[in-house]
Amino acid sequence: MTVITAAGPAAPVRSDELRPRPRLGALTAEAVFIRRSLTHSLRDGEALLMAIMLPVMLMLLFTFVFGGALDPSGGYVDYVVPGIILLCAGFGASSTALYVARDMSSGVIDRFRTMPLHAGAVLTGHVVASVVRNLLATAVVIGVAVLVGFRPTADLAGWLGAIGMIALYILAITWLFAAIGLAAGSPDAASGYGFILLFLPYLSSAFVPVETLPEWLQWIAENQPVTPVIETIRSFLMGTPMEDSGWWALGWCLAIIAFAAWWGAWLFRRKAGRR
């Protein structure tokens, strides 16, 4: 015989289960993703090592191989180090495009979409971690430069000004690389697109004075962001005339940050479906 029992009343749904989960605070979300990106950086020690070794090798190449021809007095290392610092920043920041593109293509962003956090926290984590990595790499490069003969004349105020300019440039180019990583269709494409930006220091006053370049190239060197940034750092460290380079460097960096942050936020909302 089959016994049919009446189903009991359904358990009432608690009101707190119907309410949407609150979003994490902005600082909490950003801190989580900064720690995540820094952890990935420590695990990817080879990328950090290459970001340091490549600029150091270029500095040694230009100092000991080309330096005698460019400046027979032996002071070429003092001229070239500010440009090498920006090369170091570029190499280090380029990995941000790869990390962001990898997150977008691996599906981890879809998991983040289900969490009550701010969409911009993901990008902020990558950018802040990259700035920290690049400042450490820059310190190593400057230390090696001192070992091979770099003798800056800056006082404390000059060093603080140079560090501030370097940090602002790193922040600007890192945001730009993060946006490139979002725009790219794959990590390989992101690496290729970002590599184009690494040529800008070669078309500036990083290695030779602008006036020694061909006339058509002088216009490019004078009207791109790297030249005023280099001249500003060179002025802080070596006491050369700054003129209006400082204002141009500040304006370029702030404009790049504003554009890259807006572009990156738009791309993230478009690709990840977040508001």
Protein backbone atom coordinates (compact mmCIF):
# COMPACT_ATOMS: atom_id res chain seq x y z
CA MET A 1 0.00 0.00 0.00
CA THR A 2 1.28 3.42 -0.94
CA VAL A 3 1.00 6.05 1.72
CA ILE A 4 0.71 9.61 0.54
CA THR A 5 1.76 12.21 3.03
CA ALA A 6 0.94 15.83 2.69
CA ALA A 7 3.89 18.08 2.16
CA GLY A 8 4.52 20.47 4.96
CA PRO A 9 4.43 24.17 4.49
CA ALA A 10 7.41 25.66 2.64
CA ALA A 11 10.03 27.21 4.81
CA PRO A 12 9.64 30.97 4.84
CA VAL A 13 12.26 32.93 2.95
CA ARG A 14 14.10 35.31 5.18
CA SER A 15 14.09 38.92 4.16
CA ASP A 16 17.88 39.15 4.38
CA GLU A 17 18.18 36.42 1.70
CA LEU A 18 16.18 38.56 -0.73
CA ARG A 19 18.30 41.63 -0.32
CA PRO A 20 21.24 41.99 -2.75
CA ARG A 21 24.64 41.51 -1.21
CA PRO A 22 26.26 44.85 -0.42
CA ARG A 23 29.29 45.85 -2.46
CA LEU A 24 32.64 45.89 -0.78
CA GLY A 25 34.03 49.26 0.11
CA ALA A 26 36.25 50.84 -2.50
CA LEU A 27 39.42 50.59 -0.42
CA THR A 28 38.69 46.99 0.51
CA ALA A 29 38.21 45.89 -3.09
CA GLU A 30 41.25 47.76 -4.34
CA ALA A 31 43.42 46.35 -1.54
CA VAL A 32 42.38 42.80 -2.41
CA PHE A 33 43.33 43.19 -6.07
CA ILE A 34 46.55 45.05 -5.31
CA ARG A 35 47.60 42.16 -3.10
CA ARG A 36 46.54 39.69 -5.81
CA SER A 37 48.63 41.48 -8.47
CA LEU A 38 51.66 41.77 -6.21
CA THR A 39 51.44 38.06 -5.42
CA HIS A 40 51.38 37.25 -9.13
CA SER A 41 54.40 39.51 -9.63
CA LEU A 42 56.39 37.67 -6.98
CA ARG A 43 55.53 34.37 -8.62
CA ASP A 44 56.56 35.72 -12.02
CA GLY A 45 60.07 36.62 -10.98
CA GLU A 46 61.47 36.14 -14.49
CA ALA A 47 59.38 39.03 -15.87
CA LEU A 48 60.59 41.32 -13.09
CA LEU A 49 64.18 40.23 -13.65
CA MET A 50 63.96 40.94 -17.38
CA ALA A 51 62.42 44.37 -16.70
CA ILE A 52 65.58 45.16 -14.75
CA MET A 53 68.18 43.37 -16.85
CA LEU A 54 67.21 44.81 -20.24
CA PRO A 55 67.59 48.49 -19.23
CA VAL A 56 70.81 47.68 -17.36
CA MET A 57 72.24 45.95 -20.42
CA LEU A 58 71.27 48.90 -22.62
CA MET A 59 72.88 51.31 -20.18
CA LEU A 60 76.12 49.30 -20.19
CA LEU A 61 75.96 49.08 -23.99
CA PHE A 62 75.53 52.80 -24.54
CA THR A 63 78.01 53.74 -21.80
CA PHE A 64 80.91 51.46 -22.68
CA VAL A 65 80.36 50.74 -26.38
CA PHE A 66 78.87 53.94 -27.83
CA GLY A 67 79.68 56.38 -25.03
CA GLY A 68 83.27 57.00 -26.12
CA ALA A 69 82.15 58.06 -29.59
CA LEU A 70 79.19 60.13 -28.37
CA ASP A 71 81.06 61.85 -25.55
CA PRO A 72 84.86 61.35 -25.48
CA SER A 73 85.06 63.12 -22.10
CA GLY A 74 83.57 60.06 -20.42
CA GLY A 75 80.53 61.85 -19.03
CA TYR A 76 77.99 60.19 -21.30
CA VAL A 77 76.65 58.03 -18.47
CA ASP A 78 75.36 61.17 -16.73
CA TYR A 79 73.47 62.09 -19.89
CA VAL A 80 71.99 58.69 -20.69
CA VAL A 81 70.74 57.53 -17.27
CA PRO A 82 67.46 59.55 -17.30
CA GLY A 83 66.54 57.93 -20.60
CA ILE A 84 67.45 54.49 -19.29
CA ILE A 85 65.16 55.11 -16.30
CA LEU A 86 62.23 55.68 -18.64
CA LEU A 87 63.17 52.59 -20.64
CA CYS A 88 63.07 50.64 -17.39
CA ALA A 89 59.63 52.07 -16.64
CA GLY A 90 58.41 51.12 -20.09
CA PHE A 91 59.68 47.55 -19.93
CA GLY A 92 58.15 47.07 -16.50
CA ALA A 93 54.81 48.62 -17.36
CA SER A 94 54.45 46.61 -20.57
CA SER A 95 53.83 43.47 -18.51
CA THR A 96 50.63 45.12 -17.24
CA ALA A 97 49.08 44.83 -20.70
CA LEU A 98 49.88 41.12 -20.69
CA TYR A 99 48.44 40.53 -17.22
CA VAL A 100 45.23 42.43 -17.98
CA ALA A 101 44.73 40.66 -21.32
CA ARG A 102 45.32 37.32 -19.60
CA ASP A 103 42.64 38.10 -17.02
CA MET A 104 40.19 39.06 -19.77
CA SER A 105 40.81 35.93 -21.82
CA SER A 106 41.03 33.37 -18.99
CA GLY A 107 37.46 33.84 -17.75
CA VAL A 108 38.44 35.03 -14.28
CA ILE A 109 36.68 38.34 -14.94
CA ASP A 110 33.40 36.43 -15.26
CA ARG A 111 33.93 35.18 -11.72
CA PHE A 112 34.62 38.69 -10.50
CA ARG A 113 31.34 39.83 -12.07
CA THR A 114 29.43 37.67 -9.58
CA MET A 115 31.13 39.32 -6.63
CA PRO A 116 29.89 42.49 -4.93
CA LEU A 117 32.87 44.65 -5.84
CA HIS A 118 33.67 47.66 -7.95
CA ALA A 119 34.60 46.88 -11.54
CA GLY A 120 37.48 49.37 -11.51
CA ALA A 121 39.16 47.57 -8.62
CA VAL A 122 40.60 44.96 -11.01
CA LEU A 123 42.41 47.55 -13.11
CA THR A 124 43.50 49.57 -10.10
CA GLY A 125 45.09 46.47 -8.61
CA HIS A 126 47.13 45.86 -11.75
CA VAL A 127 48.19 49.51 -12.02
CA VAL A 128 49.24 50.01 -8.40
CA ALA A 129 51.16 46.72 -8.33
CA SER A 130 52.95 47.70 -11.54
CA VAL A 131 53.93 51.10 -10.10
CA VAL A 132 55.42 49.38 -7.04
CA ARG A 133 57.32 46.89 -9.23
CA ASN A 134 58.66 49.63 -11.48
CA LEU A 135 59.82 51.86 -8.64
CA LEU A 136 61.80 48.95 -7.20
CA ALA A 137 63.27 48.17 -10.63
CA THR A 138 64.15 51.85 -11.13
CA ALA A 139 65.98 51.92 -7.81
CA VAL A 140 68.06 48.93 -8.90
CA VAL A 141 68.87 50.56 -12.25
CA ILE A 142 69.97 53.80 -10.56
CA GLY A 143 72.13 51.79 -8.17
CA VAL A 144 73.86 50.04 -11.07
CA ALA A 145 74.28 53.40 -12.82
CA VAL A 146 76.09 54.79 -9.77
CA LEU A 147 78.40 51.77 -9.84
CA VAL A 148 79.38 52.47 -13.47
CA GLY A 149 80.04 56.16 -12.93
CA PHE A 150 76.73 58.05 -12.71
CA ARG A 151 77.28 61.08 -10.49
CA PRO A 152 74.09 63.15 -10.00
CA THR A 153 74.46 66.59 -8.46
CA ALA A 154 70.95 66.71 -7.00
CA ASP A 155 70.21 67.69 -3.42
CA LEU A 156 67.30 66.26 -1.42
CA ALA A 157 64.78 68.50 -3.18
CA GLY A 158 66.15 67.47 -6.57
CA TRP A 159 65.91 63.77 -5.72
CA LEU A 160 62.34 64.18 -4.47
CA GLY A 161 61.41 66.04 -7.65
CA ALA A 162 63.01 63.38 -9.85
CA ILE A 163 61.32 60.53 -7.95
CA GLY A 164 57.98 62.30 -8.18
CA MET A 165 58.37 62.80 -11.93
CA ILE A 166 59.43 59.17 -12.43
CA ALA A 167 56.48 57.90 -10.37
CA LEU A 168 54.02 60.08 -12.29
CA TYR A 169 55.38 58.86 -15.63
CA ILE A 170 55.22 55.23 -14.47
CA LEU A 171 51.61 55.74 -13.38
CA ALA A 172 50.71 57.30 -16.73
CA ILE A 173 52.32 54.66 -18.93
CA THR A 174 51.01 51.83 -16.72
CA TRP A 175 47.42 53.04 -17.08
CA LEU A 176 47.98 53.23 -20.82
CA PHE A 177 49.35 49.68 -20.95
CA ALA A 178 46.40 48.47 -18.84
CA ALA A 179 43.97 49.98 -21.35
CA ILE A 180 45.92 48.39 -24.22
CA GLY A 181 45.59 45.04 -22.46
CA LEU A 182 41.82 45.50 -22.38
CA ALA A 183 41.66 46.53 -26.02
CA ALA A 184 43.78 43.62 -27.26
CA GLY A 185 42.12 40.42 -28.34
CA SER A 186 44.70 38.15 -26.69
CA PRO A 187 47.77 38.31 -24.42
CA ASP A 188 50.06 37.93 -27.45
CA ALA A 189 48.39 40.85 -29.20
CA ALA A 190 48.65 42.96 -26.05
CA SER A 191 52.38 42.28 -25.88
CA GLY A 192 52.78 43.30 -29.53
CA TYR A 193 50.75 46.51 -29.26
CA GLY A 194 52.55 47.58 -26.10
CA PHE A 195 55.95 47.00 -27.67
CA ILE A 196 55.31 49.94 -30.00
CA LEU A 197 55.35 52.36 -27.04
CA LEU A 198 58.78 51.13 -26.00
CA PHE A 199 60.30 52.82 -29.07
CA LEU A 200 59.31 56.34 -27.96
CA PRO A 201 62.44 56.92 -25.83
CA TYR A 202 64.60 56.21 -28.88
CA LEU A 203 62.85 59.07 -30.71
CA SER A 204 63.55 61.59 -27.96
CA SER A 205 66.48 63.25 -26.19
CA ALA A 206 67.19 60.06 -24.23
CA PHE A 207 70.43 59.13 -26.02
CA VAL A 208 71.43 62.17 -28.08
CA PRO A 209 70.46 65.87 -28.01
CA VAL A 210 67.42 66.70 -30.12
CA GLU A 211 69.34 69.23 -32.21
CA THR A 212 71.63 66.48 -33.54
CA LEU A 213 68.69 64.63 -35.13
CA PRO A 214 67.50 65.19 -38.71
CA GLU A 215 65.14 68.16 -39.00
CA TRP A 216 62.04 66.07 -39.69
CA LEU A 217 62.82 63.89 -36.65
CA GLN A 218 63.47 66.89 -34.41
CA TRP A 219 59.81 67.87 -34.65
CA ILE A 220 58.73 64.40 -33.54
CA ALA A 221 61.23 64.35 -30.67
CA GLU A 222 60.19 67.78 -29.44
CA ASN A 223 56.44 67.10 -29.59
CA GLN A 224 56.12 63.73 -27.88
CA PRO A 225 55.75 63.14 -24.13
CA VAL A 226 59.03 61.34 -23.42
CA THR A 227 61.37 64.25 -24.23
CA PRO A 228 60.01 66.74 -21.66
CA VAL A 229 59.85 64.01 -19.02
CA ILE A 230 63.49 63.10 -19.65
CA GLU A 231 64.59 66.74 -19.63
CA THR A 232 62.73 67.30 -16.35
CA ILE A 233 64.38 64.29 -14.69
CA ARG A 234 67.75 65.36 -16.11
CA SER A 235 67.27 68.84 -14.70
CA PHE A 236 66.40 67.54 -11.23
CA LEU A 237 69.32 65.09 -11.13
CA MET A 238 72.04 66.95 -13.04
CA GLY A 239 71.06 70.60 -12.66
CA THR A 240 70.54 71.29 -16.38
CA PRO A 241 68.11 74.09 -17.36
CA MET A 242 64.51 72.90 -17.12
CA GLU A 243 62.83 75.85 -18.88
CA ASP A 244 59.24 74.79 -19.68
CA SER A 245 59.92 71.04 -19.80
CA GLY A 246 58.51 70.53 -16.31
CA TRP A 247 55.10 71.95 -17.22
CA TRP A 248 55.00 69.98 -20.47
CA ALA A 249 55.98 66.78 -18.66
CA LEU A 250 53.31 67.30 -16.01
CA GLY A 251 50.66 68.12 -18.62
CA TRP A 252 51.52 65.11 -20.79
CA CYS A 253 51.44 62.68 -17.86
CA LEU A 254 48.13 63.99 -16.50
CA ALA A 255 46.57 63.92 -19.97
CA ILE A 256 47.72 60.32 -20.54
CA ILE A 257 46.37 59.24 -17.13
CA ALA A 258 42.99 60.89 -17.76
CA PHE A 259 42.64 59.41 -21.24
CA ALA A 260 43.87 55.93 -20.29
CA ALA A 261 41.68 55.76 -17.17
CA TRP A 262 38.60 56.79 -19.18
CA TRP A 263 39.45 54.43 -22.05
CA GLY A 264 40.19 51.55 -19.70
CA ALA A 265 36.96 52.04 -17.73
CA TRP A 266 34.93 52.16 -20.96
CA LEU A 267 36.60 49.03 -22.32
CA PHE A 268 36.12 47.16 -19.05
CA ARG A 269 32.41 48.00 -18.89
CA ARG A 270 32.02 47.01 -22.52
CA LYS A 271 33.89 43.69 -22.29
CA ALA A 272 32.97 42.64 -18.77
CA GLY A 273 29.42 43.93 -18.77
CA ARG A 274 29.87 46.02 -15.62
CA ARG A 275 28.52 49.43 -14.78
